[in-house]
Each structure stands twice: as C-alpha cells, then as structure tokens.
C-alpha cells in the first residue's frame, strides 16, 4: 500500500481511511449519534471534528467507490459457493 500511495503521490495520513469513512458517514446521515456509534466516538467529537468536511453528495460518492470493472474479480457470493 505504501508503494502504491507513493507512486500515486497520495500523502500519508494516519487513520486516513477511518477519518474519510466518518466524514462521509456524517455527511450522508447528518446524525452525530449514529455516526458516533459507527466510529466509536462521542457525538460531540463527531460534531466537532467531522461536521462540514464533506457535502452529502461527496459522502454518497465516497460510499459508491469500488474496484474498477476488472475481469479478475470474483463476487463474494460465488467465492463462498
């Protein structure tokens, strides 16, 4: 992951994926209580640290991200069969 991040010139941020999730979740749901349960923080911490970092549209787009349409991906349901 470090090599890929370096190659793509993406700066490292400790717990960056977690922060992105919490920001997107709060943006989509606008509910400090629900987001704090997901994040393991208090509603006050979620409100203080994550409010306004993403718009609802950006949060929804963040959750739609997934792997590109590669031919070598196996859907989980098929892998378990």
PDB file of N, CA and C in Angstrom:
ATOM      1  N   UNK A   1       0.816  -1.182   0.000  1.00  0.00           N
ATOM      2  CA  UNK A   1       0.000   0.000   0.000  1.00  0.00           C
ATOM      3  C   UNK A   1       0.869   1.258   0.000  1.00  0.00           C
ATOM      4  N   UNK A   2       1.956   1.207   0.737  1.00  0.00           N
ATOM      5  CA  UNK A   2       2.865   2.353   0.794  1.00  0.00           C
ATOM      6  C   UNK A   2       3.436   2.670  -0.580  1.00  0.00           C
ATOM      7  N   UNK A   3       3.834   1.624  -1.311  1.00  0.00           N
ATOM      8  CA  UNK A   3       4.402   1.828  -2.647  1.00  0.00           C
ATOM      9  C   UNK A   3       3.362   2.435  -3.592  1.00  0.00           C
ATOM     10  N   UNK A   4       2.138   1.934  -3.530  1.00  0.00           N
ATOM     11  CA  UNK A   4       1.077   2.462  -4.390  1.00  0.00           C
ATOM     12  C   UNK A   4       0.783   3.913  -4.048  1.00  0.00           C
ATOM     13  N   UNK A   5       0.690   4.213  -2.758  1.00  0.00           N
ATOM     14  CA  UNK A   5       0.432   5.585  -2.328  1.00  0.00           C
ATOM     15  C   UNK A   5       1.548   6.526  -2.796  1.00  0.00           C
ATOM     16  N   UNK A   6       2.787   6.053  -2.699  1.00  0.00           N
ATOM     17  CA  UNK A   6       3.933   6.854  -3.140  1.00  0.00           C
ATOM     18  C   UNK A   6       3.885   7.066  -4.648  1.00  0.00           C
ATOM     19  N   UNK A   7       3.617   5.994  -5.383  1.00  0.00           N
ATOM     20  CA  UNK A   7       3.554   6.090  -6.846  1.00  0.00           C
ATOM     21  C   UNK A   7       2.467   7.056  -7.303  1.00  0.00           C
ATOM     22  N   UNK A   8       1.333   7.054  -6.620  1.00  0.00           N
ATOM     23  CA  UNK A   8       0.219   7.924  -6.996  1.00  0.00           C
ATOM     24  C   UNK A   8       0.300   9.301  -6.340  1.00  0.00           C
ATOM     25  N   UNK A   9       1.363   9.517  -5.571  1.00  0.00           N
ATOM     26  CA  UNK A   9       1.595  10.782  -4.882  1.00  0.00           C
ATOM     27  C   UNK A   9       0.433  11.157  -3.969  1.00  0.00           C
ATOM     28  N   UNK A  10      -0.053  10.160  -3.231  1.00  0.00           N
ATOM     29  CA  UNK A  10      -1.111  10.379  -2.243  1.00  0.00           C
ATOM     30  C   UNK A  10      -0.429  10.517  -0.889  1.00  0.00           C
ATOM     31  N   UNK A  11      -0.596  11.640  -0.227  1.00  0.00           N
ATOM     32  CA  UNK A  11       0.077  11.815   1.061  1.00  0.00           C
ATOM     33  C   UNK A  11      -0.468  10.857   2.110  1.00  0.00           C
ATOM     34  N   UNK A  12       0.421  10.434   2.998  1.00  0.00           N
ATOM     35  CA  UNK A  12       0.027   9.534   4.078  1.00  0.00           C
ATOM     36  C   UNK A  12      -0.657  10.326   5.185  1.00  0.00           C
ATOM     37  N   UNK A  13      -1.749   9.803   5.677  1.00  0.00           N
ATOM     38  CA  UNK A  13      -2.412  10.389   6.833  1.00  0.00           C
ATOM     39  C   UNK A  13      -2.780   9.246   7.760  1.00  0.00           C
ATOM     40  N   UNK A  14      -2.269   9.293   8.968  1.00  0.00           N
ATOM     41  CA  UNK A  14      -2.564   8.244   9.940  1.00  0.00           C
ATOM     42  C   UNK A  14      -4.073   8.154  10.136  1.00  0.00           C
ATOM     43  N   UNK A  15      -4.603   6.945  10.014  1.00  0.00           N
ATOM     44  CA  UNK A  15      -6.044   6.678  10.130  1.00  0.00           C
ATOM     45  C   UNK A  15      -6.866   7.417   9.070  1.00  0.00           C
ATOM     46  N   UNK A  16      -6.256   7.674   7.925  1.00  0.00           N
ATOM     47  CA  UNK A  16      -6.927   8.430   6.879  1.00  0.00           C
ATOM     48  C   UNK A  16      -8.209   7.782   6.378  1.00  0.00           C
ATOM     49  N   UNK A  17      -8.197   6.455   6.216  1.00  0.00           N
ATOM     50  CA  UNK A  17      -9.400   5.766   5.734  1.00  0.00           C
ATOM     51  C   UNK A  17     -10.520   5.868   6.765  1.00  0.00           C
ATOM     52  N   UNK A  18     -10.166   5.737   8.038  1.00  0.00           N
ATOM     53  CA  UNK A  18     -11.150   5.860   9.109  1.00  0.00           C
ATOM     54  C   UNK A  18     -11.737   7.271   9.122  1.00  0.00           C
ATOM     55  N   UNK A  19     -10.881   8.279   9.018  1.00  0.00           N
ATOM     56  CA  UNK A  19     -11.370   9.656   9.018  1.00  0.00           C
ATOM     57  C   UNK A  19     -12.272   9.921   7.812  1.00  0.00           C
ATOM     58  N   UNK A  20     -11.912   9.369   6.673  1.00  0.00           N
ATOM     59  CA  UNK A  20     -12.736   9.546   5.477  1.00  0.00           C
ATOM     60  C   UNK A  20     -14.101   8.888   5.671  1.00  0.00           C
ATOM     61  N   UNK A  21     -14.114   7.678   6.250  1.00  0.00           N
ATOM     62  CA  UNK A  21     -15.382   6.992   6.500  1.00  0.00           C
ATOM     63  C   UNK A  21     -16.276   7.811   7.424  1.00  0.00           C
ATOM     64  N   UNK A  22     -15.712   8.284   8.533  1.00  0.00           N
ATOM     65  CA  UNK A  22     -16.511   9.038   9.495  1.00  0.00           C
ATOM     66  C   UNK A  22     -17.026  10.333   8.857  1.00  0.00           C
ATOM     67  N   UNK A  23     -16.183  11.004   8.102  1.00  0.00           N
ATOM     68  CA  UNK A  23     -16.605  12.230   7.423  1.00  0.00           C
ATOM     69  C   UNK A  23     -17.740  11.952   6.452  1.00  0.00           C
ATOM     70  N   UNK A  24     -17.596  10.890   5.657  1.00  0.00           N
ATOM     71  CA  UNK A  24     -18.625  10.554   4.668  1.00  0.00           C
ATOM     72  C   UNK A  24     -19.912  10.102   5.347  1.00  0.00           C
ATOM     73  N   UNK A  25     -19.794   9.287   6.379  1.00  0.00           N
ATOM     74  CA  UNK A  25     -20.980   8.793   7.088  1.00  0.00           C
ATOM     75  C   UNK A  25     -21.763   9.952   7.685  1.00  0.00           C
ATOM     76  N   UNK A  26     -21.065  10.874   8.330  1.00  0.00           N
ATOM     77  CA  UNK A  26     -21.736  12.019   8.934  1.00  0.00           C
ATOM     78  C   UNK A  26     -22.363  12.905   7.857  1.00  0.00           C
ATOM     79  N   UNK A  27     -21.677  13.084   6.743  1.00  0.00           N
ATOM     80  CA  UNK A  27     -22.210  13.913   5.660  1.00  0.00           C
ATOM     81  C   UNK A  27     -23.495  13.309   5.084  1.00  0.00           C
ATOM     82  N   UNK A  28     -23.511  11.994   4.933  1.00  0.00           N
ATOM     83  CA  UNK A  28     -24.678  11.328   4.350  1.00  0.00           C
ATOM     84  C   UNK A  28     -25.846  11.296   5.327  1.00  0.00           C
ATOM     85  N   UNK A  29     -25.585  10.981   6.581  1.00  0.00           N
ATOM     86  CA  UNK A  29     -26.665  10.753   7.540  1.00  0.00           C
ATOM     87  C   UNK A  29     -27.003  11.963   8.409  1.00  0.00           C
ATOM     88  N   UNK A  30     -26.067  12.904   8.546  1.00  0.00           N
ATOM     89  CA  UNK A  30     -26.277  14.109   9.370  1.00  0.00           C
ATOM     90  C   UNK A  30     -26.800  13.754  10.757  1.00  0.00           C
ATOM     91  N   UNK A  31     -26.235  12.693  11.336  1.00  0.00           N
ATOM     92  CA  UNK A  31     -26.685  12.218  12.641  1.00  0.00           C
ATOM     93  C   UNK A  31     -25.454  11.888  13.482  1.00  0.00           C
ATOM     94  N   UNK A  32     -25.137  12.783  14.413  1.00  0.00           N
ATOM     95  CA  UNK A  32     -23.944  12.595  15.248  1.00  0.00           C
ATOM     96  C   UNK A  32     -24.020  11.305  16.054  1.00  0.00           C
ATOM     97  N   UNK A  33     -25.207  10.972  16.552  1.00  0.00           N
ATOM     98  CA  UNK A  33     -25.372   9.769  17.358  1.00  0.00           C
ATOM     99  C   UNK A  33     -25.084   8.495  16.579  1.00  0.00           C
ATOM    100  N   UNK A  34     -25.692   8.373  15.403  1.00  0.00           N
ATOM    101  CA  UNK A  34     -25.479   7.186  14.585  1.00  0.00           C
ATOM    102  C   UNK A  34     -24.024   7.083  14.146  1.00  0.00           C
ATOM    103  N   UNK A  35     -23.455   8.202  13.722  1.00  0.00           N
ATOM    104  CA  UNK A  35     -22.069   8.196  13.269  1.00  0.00           C
ATOM    105  C   UNK A  35     -21.120   7.897  14.418  1.00  0.00           C
ATOM    106  N   UNK A  36     -21.402   8.428  15.591  1.00  0.00           N
ATOM    107  CA  UNK A  36     -20.519   8.166  16.732  1.00  0.00           C
ATOM    108  C   UNK A  36     -20.534   6.695  17.117  1.00  0.00           C
ATOM    109  N   UNK A  37     -21.674   6.030  16.970  1.00  0.00           N
ATOM    110  CA  UNK A  37     -21.730   4.585  17.245  1.00  0.00           C
ATOM    111  C   UNK A  37     -20.859   3.822  16.257  1.00  0.00           C
ATOM    112  N   UNK A  38     -20.869   4.211  15.001  1.00  0.00           N
ATOM    113  CA  UNK A  38     -20.045   3.562  13.986  1.00  0.00           C
ATOM    114  C   UNK A  38     -18.561   3.829  14.224  1.00  0.00           C
ATOM    115  N   UNK A  39     -18.244   5.039  14.665  1.00  0.00           N
ATOM    116  CA  UNK A  39     -16.850   5.461  14.793  1.00  0.00           C
ATOM    117  C   UNK A  39     -16.231   5.144  16.147  1.00  0.00           C
ATOM    118  N   UNK A  40     -17.074   4.899  17.150  1.00  0.00           N
ATOM    119  CA  UNK A  40     -16.544   4.667  18.481  1.00  0.00           C
ATOM    120  C   UNK A  40     -16.122   5.951  19.171  1.00  0.00           C
ATOM    121  N   UNK A  41     -16.753   7.046  18.800  1.00  0.00           N
ATOM    122  CA  UNK A  41     -16.504   8.350  19.408  1.00  0.00           C
ATOM    123  C   UNK A  41     -17.791   8.845  20.051  1.00  0.00           C
ATOM    124  N   UNK A  42     -17.708   9.941  20.741  1.00  0.00           N
ATOM    125  CA  UNK A  42     -18.916  10.569  21.274  1.00  0.00           C
ATOM    126  C   UNK A  42     -19.537  11.438  20.179  1.00  0.00           C
ATOM    127  N   UNK A  43     -20.839  11.699  20.299  1.00  0.00           N
ATOM    128  CA  UNK A  43     -21.463  12.607  19.331  1.00  0.00           C
ATOM    129  C   UNK A  43     -20.780  13.974  19.295  1.00  0.00           C
ATOM    130  N   UNK A  44     -20.308  14.455  20.446  1.00  0.00           N
ATOM    131  CA  UNK A  44     -19.639  15.762  20.478  1.00  0.00           C
ATOM    132  C   UNK A  44     -18.348  15.749  19.664  1.00  0.00           C
ATOM    133  N   UNK A  45     -17.587  14.660  19.746  1.00  0.00           N
ATOM    134  CA  UNK A  45     -16.335  14.545  18.981  1.00  0.00           C
ATOM    135  C   UNK A  45     -16.647  14.491  17.485  1.00  0.00           C
ATOM    136  N   UNK A  46     -17.648  13.727  17.111  1.00  0.00           N
ATOM    137  CA  UNK A  46     -18.027  13.642  15.694  1.00  0.00           C
ATOM    138  C   UNK A  46     -18.446  15.018  15.189  1.00  0.00           C
ATOM    139  N   UNK A  47     -19.278  15.694  15.955  1.00  0.00           N
ATOM    140  CA  UNK A  47     -19.739  17.018  15.541  1.00  0.00           C
ATOM    141  C   UNK A  47     -18.567  17.995  15.426  1.00  0.00           C
ATOM    142  N   UNK A  48     -17.674  17.976  16.412  1.00  0.00           N
ATOM    143  CA  UNK A  48     -16.544  18.912  16.432  1.00  0.00           C
ATOM    144  C   UNK A  48     -15.539  18.645  15.312  1.00  0.00           C
ATOM    145  N   UNK A  49     -15.217  17.364  15.067  1.00  0.00           N
ATOM    146  CA  UNK A  49     -14.122  17.020  14.155  1.00  0.00           C
ATOM    147  C   UNK A  49     -14.530  16.695  12.728  1.00  0.00           C
ATOM    148  N   UNK A  50     -15.795  16.390  12.484  1.00  0.00           N
ATOM    149  CA  UNK A  50     -16.178  15.910  11.153  1.00  0.00           C
ATOM    150  C   UNK A  50     -17.270  16.724  10.472  1.00  0.00           C
ATOM    151  N   UNK A  51     -17.926  17.607  11.186  1.00  0.00           N
ATOM    152  CA  UNK A  51     -19.005  18.393  10.584  1.00  0.00           C
ATOM    153  C   UNK A  51     -18.455  19.309   9.498  1.00  0.00           C
ATOM    154  N   UNK A  52     -19.067  19.267   8.335  1.00  0.00           N
ATOM    155  CA  UNK A  52     -18.722  20.180   7.253  1.00  0.00           C
ATOM    156  C   UNK A  52     -17.515  19.795   6.420  1.00  0.00           C
ATOM    157  N   UNK A  53     -16.920  18.618   6.670  1.00  0.00           N
ATOM    158  CA  UNK A  53     -15.748  18.230   5.877  1.00  0.00           C
ATOM    159  C   UNK A  53     -16.126  17.693   4.498  1.00  0.00           C
ATOM    160  N   UNK A  54     -17.336  17.166   4.373  1.00  0.00           N
ATOM    161  CA  UNK A  54     -17.836  16.680   3.082  1.00  0.00           C
ATOM    162  C   UNK A  54     -19.282  17.125   2.931  1.00  0.00           C
ATOM    163  N   UNK A  55     -19.679  17.310   1.697  1.00  0.00           N
ATOM    164  CA  UNK A  55     -21.098  17.534   1.427  1.00  0.00           C
ATOM    165  C   UNK A  55     -21.783  16.177   1.357  1.00  0.00           C
ATOM    166  N   UNK A  56     -23.091  16.177   1.394  1.00  0.00           N
ATOM    167  CA  UNK A  56     -23.828  14.928   1.275  1.00  0.00           C
ATOM    168  C   UNK A  56     -23.504  14.247  -0.057  1.00  0.00           C
ATOM    169  N   UNK A  57     -23.418  15.026  -1.112  1.00  0.00           N
ATOM    170  CA  UNK A  57     -23.101  14.480  -2.436  1.00  0.00           C
ATOM    171  C   UNK A  57     -21.718  13.826  -2.438  1.00  0.00           C
ATOM    172  N   UNK A  58     -20.722  14.470  -1.799  1.00  0.00           N
ATOM    173  CA  UNK A  58     -19.373  13.887  -1.717  1.00  0.00           C
ATOM    174  C   UNK A  58     -19.375  12.617  -0.877  1.00  0.00           C
ATOM    175  N   UNK A  59     -20.139  12.613   0.210  1.00  0.00           N
ATOM    176  CA  UNK A  59     -20.238  11.417   1.051  1.00  0.00           C
ATOM    177  C   UNK A  59     -20.859  10.252   0.305  1.00  0.00           C
ATOM    178  N   UNK A  60     -21.910  10.516  -0.421  1.00  0.00           N
ATOM    179  CA  UNK A  60     -22.554   9.462  -1.215  1.00  0.00           C
ATOM    180  C   UNK A  60     -21.593   8.918  -2.266  1.00  0.00           C
ATOM    181  N   UNK A  61     -20.838   9.807  -2.898  1.00  0.00           N
ATOM    182  CA  UNK A  61     -19.857   9.374  -3.900  1.00  0.00           C
ATOM    183  C   UNK A  61     -18.770   8.527  -3.252  1.00  0.00           C
ATOM    184  N   UNK A  62     -18.352   8.875  -2.040  1.00  0.00           N
ATOM    185  CA  UNK A  62     -17.316   8.107  -1.334  1.00  0.00           C
ATOM    186  C   UNK A  62     -17.791   6.678  -1.108  1.00  0.00           C
ATOM    187  N   UNK A  63     -19.047   6.498  -0.730  1.00  0.00           N
ATOM    188  CA  UNK A  63     -19.568   5.156  -0.482  1.00  0.00           C
ATOM    189  C   UNK A  63     -19.815   4.367  -1.767  1.00  0.00           C
ATOM    190  N   UNK A  64     -19.944   5.036  -2.900  1.00  0.00           N
ATOM    191  CA  UNK A  64     -20.120   4.330  -4.181  1.00  0.00           C
ATOM    192  C   UNK A  64     -18.810   3.812  -4.747  1.00  0.00           C
ATOM    193  N   UNK A  65     -17.683   4.276  -4.219  1.00  0.00           N
ATOM    194  CA  UNK A  65     -16.394   3.838  -4.764  1.00  0.00           C
ATOM    195  C   UNK A  65     -16.227   2.337  -4.590  1.00  0.00           C
ATOM    196  N   UNK A  66     -15.585   1.747  -5.573  1.00  0.00           N
ATOM    197  CA  UNK A  66     -15.309   0.323  -5.522  1.00  0.00           C
ATOM    198  C   UNK A  66     -14.271  -0.018  -6.559  1.00  0.00           C
ATOM    199  N   UNK A  67     -13.965  -1.279  -6.669  1.00  0.00           N
ATOM    200  CA  UNK A  67     -12.965  -1.665  -7.662  1.00  0.00           C
ATOM    201  C   UNK A  67     -13.455  -1.391  -9.081  1.00  0.00           C
ATOM    202  N   UNK A  68     -12.510  -1.121  -9.959  1.00  0.00           N
ATOM    203  CA  UNK A  68     -12.883  -0.923 -11.350  1.00  0.00           C
ATOM    204  C   UNK A  68     -13.355  -2.255 -11.929  1.00  0.00           C
ATOM    205  N   UNK A  69     -13.971  -2.186 -13.057  1.00  0.00           N
ATOM    206  CA  UNK A  69     -14.517  -3.387 -13.693  1.00  0.00           C
ATOM    207  C   UNK A  69     -13.382  -4.234 -14.258  1.00  0.00           C
ATOM    208  N   UNK A  70     -12.713  -4.955 -13.398  1.00  0.00           N
ATOM    209  CA  UNK A  70     -11.620  -5.831 -13.833  1.00  0.00           C
ATOM    210  C   UNK A  70     -12.175  -7.229 -14.063  1.00  0.00           C
ATOM    211  N   UNK A  71     -11.608  -7.928 -15.006  1.00  0.00           N
ATOM    212  CA  UNK A  71     -12.065  -9.275 -15.322  1.00  0.00           C
ATOM    213  C   UNK A  71     -11.658 -10.325 -14.312  1.00  0.00           C
ATOM    214  N   UNK A  72     -10.753  -9.976 -13.382  1.00  0.00           N
ATOM    215  CA  UNK A  72     -10.277 -10.988 -12.449  1.00  0.00           C
ATOM    216  C   UNK A  72     -10.918 -10.899 -11.072  1.00  0.00           C
ATOM    217  N   UNK A  73     -12.018 -10.151 -10.929  1.00  0.00           N
ATOM    218  CA  UNK A  73     -12.710 -10.064  -9.654  1.00  0.00           C
ATOM    219  C   UNK A  73     -13.759 -11.165  -9.546  1.00  0.00           C
ATOM    220  N   UNK A  74     -13.817 -11.805  -8.394  1.00  0.00           N
ATOM    221  CA  UNK A  74     -14.779 -12.863  -8.155  1.00  0.00           C
ATOM    222  C   UNK A  74     -15.777 -12.350  -7.123  1.00  0.00           C
ATOM    223  N   UNK A  75     -17.061 -12.282  -7.457  1.00  0.00           N
ATOM    224  CA  UNK A  75     -18.047 -11.828  -6.476  1.00  0.00           C
ATOM    225  C   UNK A  75     -18.015 -12.731  -5.237  1.00  0.00           C
ATOM    226  N   UNK A  76     -18.140 -12.154  -4.065  1.00  0.00           N
ATOM    227  CA  UNK A  76     -18.029 -12.891  -2.822  1.00  0.00           C
ATOM    228  C   UNK A  76     -19.016 -14.053  -2.752  1.00  0.00           C
ATOM    229  N   UNK A  77     -20.229 -13.853  -3.212  1.00  0.00           N
ATOM    230  CA  UNK A  77     -21.230 -14.938  -3.177  1.00  0.00           C
ATOM    231  C   UNK A  77     -20.730 -16.149  -3.960  1.00  0.00           C
ATOM    232  N   UNK A  78     -20.079 -15.925  -5.102  1.00  0.00           N
ATOM    233  CA  UNK A  78     -19.548 -17.029  -5.900  1.00  0.00           C
ATOM    234  C   UNK A  78     -18.321 -17.662  -5.250  1.00  0.00           C
ATOM    235  N   UNK A  79     -17.518 -16.867  -4.580  1.00  0.00           N
ATOM    236  CA  UNK A  79     -16.317 -17.385  -3.943  1.00  0.00           C
ATOM    237  C   UNK A  79     -16.666 -18.297  -2.785  1.00  0.00           C
ATOM    238  N   UNK A  80     -17.785 -18.070  -2.138  1.00  0.00           N
ATOM    239  CA  UNK A  80     -18.177 -18.854  -0.969  1.00  0.00           C
ATOM    240  C   UNK A  80     -18.857 -20.163  -1.368  1.00  0.00           C
ATOM    241  N   UNK A  81     -19.295 -20.282  -2.607  1.00  0.00           N
ATOM    242  CA  UNK A  81     -20.028 -21.484  -3.063  1.00  0.00           C
ATOM    243  C   UNK A  81     -19.109 -22.670  -3.275  1.00  0.00           C
TER     244      UNK A  81
END
